Amino acid sequence: MFKAMIIYRRKKELRNRLISKIFQDVFGHNLLKLTNDIRMNLKLSEQNTLARLTQNSAWSARYPIPLEANKMTTTVKLLKGQVAFSTYFARSDISKIEKLSADYEKK
């Protein structure tokens, strides 16, 4: 959803670019970076949830361990430099993401 919004908001700028070049603008799965790119104003708890989901979707879902040693961490930095513990799933994560999506769709 976040990548689609970046492309939609920049459609005039991206109109005459090759598709392979457009994907460079939305490369990766860092949800905090993507939400920052579309200027979503996230609460600290929402940043924490997205940061944890970003890290866990790559390492817990795809690979048994990170591919790079510097990615073996149990914390992540949030948008304003705060550090959050990142190696857990919370019972409320799904409802938080659903609320975040619903709130964003209203805008």
Protein backbone atom coordinates (compact mmCIF):
# COMPACT_ATOMS: atom_id res chain seq x y z
CA MET A 1 0.00 0.00 0.00
CA PHE A 2 2.78 2.43 0.92
CA LYS A 3 4.70 1.79 -2.30
CA ALA A 4 1.55 2.31 -4.34
CA MET A 5 0.95 5.65 -2.62
CA ILE A 6 4.50 6.82 -3.37
CA ILE A 7 4.03 6.01 -7.06
CA TYR A 8 0.54 7.54 -7.14
CA ARG A 9 1.65 10.78 -5.52
CA ARG A 10 4.63 11.09 -7.85
CA LYS A 11 2.85 9.91 -11.00
CA LYS A 12 3.58 13.08 -13.01
CA GLU A 13 7.25 12.93 -12.14
CA LEU A 14 7.46 9.19 -12.83
CA ARG A 15 5.31 9.14 -15.98
CA ASN A 16 8.13 9.06 -18.54
CA ARG A 17 10.53 6.84 -16.61
CA LEU A 18 11.24 3.21 -17.32
CA ILE A 19 9.49 0.82 -14.97
CA SER A 20 12.85 -0.48 -13.75
CA LYS A 21 13.78 3.07 -12.69
CA ILE A 22 10.50 3.60 -10.85
CA PHE A 23 11.17 0.58 -8.66
CA GLN A 24 14.38 2.21 -7.40
CA ASP A 25 12.17 4.83 -5.74
CA VAL A 26 10.24 2.23 -3.81
CA PHE A 27 12.96 -0.37 -3.32
CA GLY A 28 13.06 -2.35 -0.12
CA HIS A 29 10.68 -3.30 2.62
CA ASN A 30 11.48 -0.75 5.29
CA LEU A 31 7.98 0.26 6.32
CA LEU A 32 9.22 3.24 8.36
CA LYS A 33 11.09 4.63 5.36
CA LEU A 34 8.11 4.09 3.08
CA THR A 35 5.68 5.77 5.48
CA ASN A 36 8.14 8.62 5.93
CA ASP A 37 8.34 8.99 2.13
CA ILE A 38 4.56 9.49 1.97
CA ARG A 39 4.70 11.83 4.97
CA MET A 40 2.54 9.76 7.28
CA ASN A 41 2.57 11.20 10.76
CA LEU A 42 3.02 8.09 12.88
CA LYS A 43 2.66 7.77 16.62
CA LEU A 44 5.60 6.21 18.44
CA SER A 45 3.65 2.98 19.00
CA GLU A 46 2.84 2.77 15.25
CA GLN A 47 6.51 3.30 14.40
CA ASN A 48 7.43 0.53 16.80
CA THR A 49 4.94 -1.87 15.22
CA LEU A 50 6.09 -1.10 11.66
CA ALA A 51 9.76 -1.38 12.62
CA ARG A 52 9.20 -4.78 14.21
CA LEU A 53 7.17 -6.00 11.24
CA THR A 54 9.86 -4.81 8.83
CA GLN A 55 12.60 -6.70 10.62
CA ASN A 56 10.58 -9.82 11.37
CA SER A 57 9.12 -10.15 7.88
CA ALA A 58 12.61 -10.43 6.44
CA TRP A 59 14.38 -12.52 9.05
CA SER A 60 11.66 -14.56 10.68
CA ALA A 61 9.60 -15.14 7.56
CA ARG A 62 12.23 -15.62 4.85
CA TYR A 63 15.59 -16.55 6.26
CA PRO A 64 16.65 -18.41 9.39
CA ILE A 65 19.29 -15.75 10.08
CA PRO A 66 20.15 -12.36 8.59
CA LEU A 67 22.32 -12.42 5.47
CA GLU A 68 24.64 -9.75 6.87
CA ALA A 69 26.26 -9.76 10.32
CA ASN A 70 25.31 -6.11 10.97
CA LYS A 71 21.63 -7.08 10.60
CA MET A 72 21.82 -9.46 13.58
CA THR A 73 20.28 -7.14 16.10
CA THR A 74 17.40 -7.18 18.53
CA THR A 75 16.72 -3.45 18.26
CA VAL A 76 15.79 -0.98 15.54
CA LYS A 77 15.94 2.80 15.29
CA LEU A 78 12.67 4.63 14.88
CA LEU A 79 12.18 7.82 12.85
CA LYS A 80 13.49 10.26 15.44
CA GLY A 81 16.33 8.07 16.65
CA GLN A 82 14.52 6.25 19.44
CA VAL A 83 15.54 2.63 19.86
CA ALA A 84 12.92 -0.11 20.08
CA PHE A 85 13.15 -3.82 20.86
CA SER A 86 12.25 -5.61 17.65
CA THR A 87 12.26 -9.37 18.04
CA TYR A 88 8.72 -10.11 19.12
CA PHE A 89 5.18 -10.13 17.83
CA ALA A 90 2.46 -8.55 19.93
CA ARG A 91 -1.09 -9.82 20.13
CA SER A 92 -2.32 -6.37 19.09
CA ASP A 93 -0.14 -6.06 15.95
CA ILE A 94 -2.85 -7.10 13.51
CA SER A 95 -5.42 -4.70 14.94
CA LYS A 96 -2.84 -1.88 14.96
CA ILE A 97 -2.04 -2.43 11.28
CA GLU A 98 -5.73 -2.63 10.38
CA LYS A 99 -6.36 0.66 12.21
CA LEU A 100 -3.35 2.32 10.59
CA SER A 101 -4.57 1.23 7.14
CA ALA A 102 -8.13 2.38 7.83
CA ASP A 103 -6.94 5.75 9.18
CA TYR A 104 -4.71 6.25 6.14
CA GLU A 105 -7.49 5.34 3.67
CA LYS A 106 -9.63 8.14 5.15
CA LYS A 107 -7.02 10.75 4.14
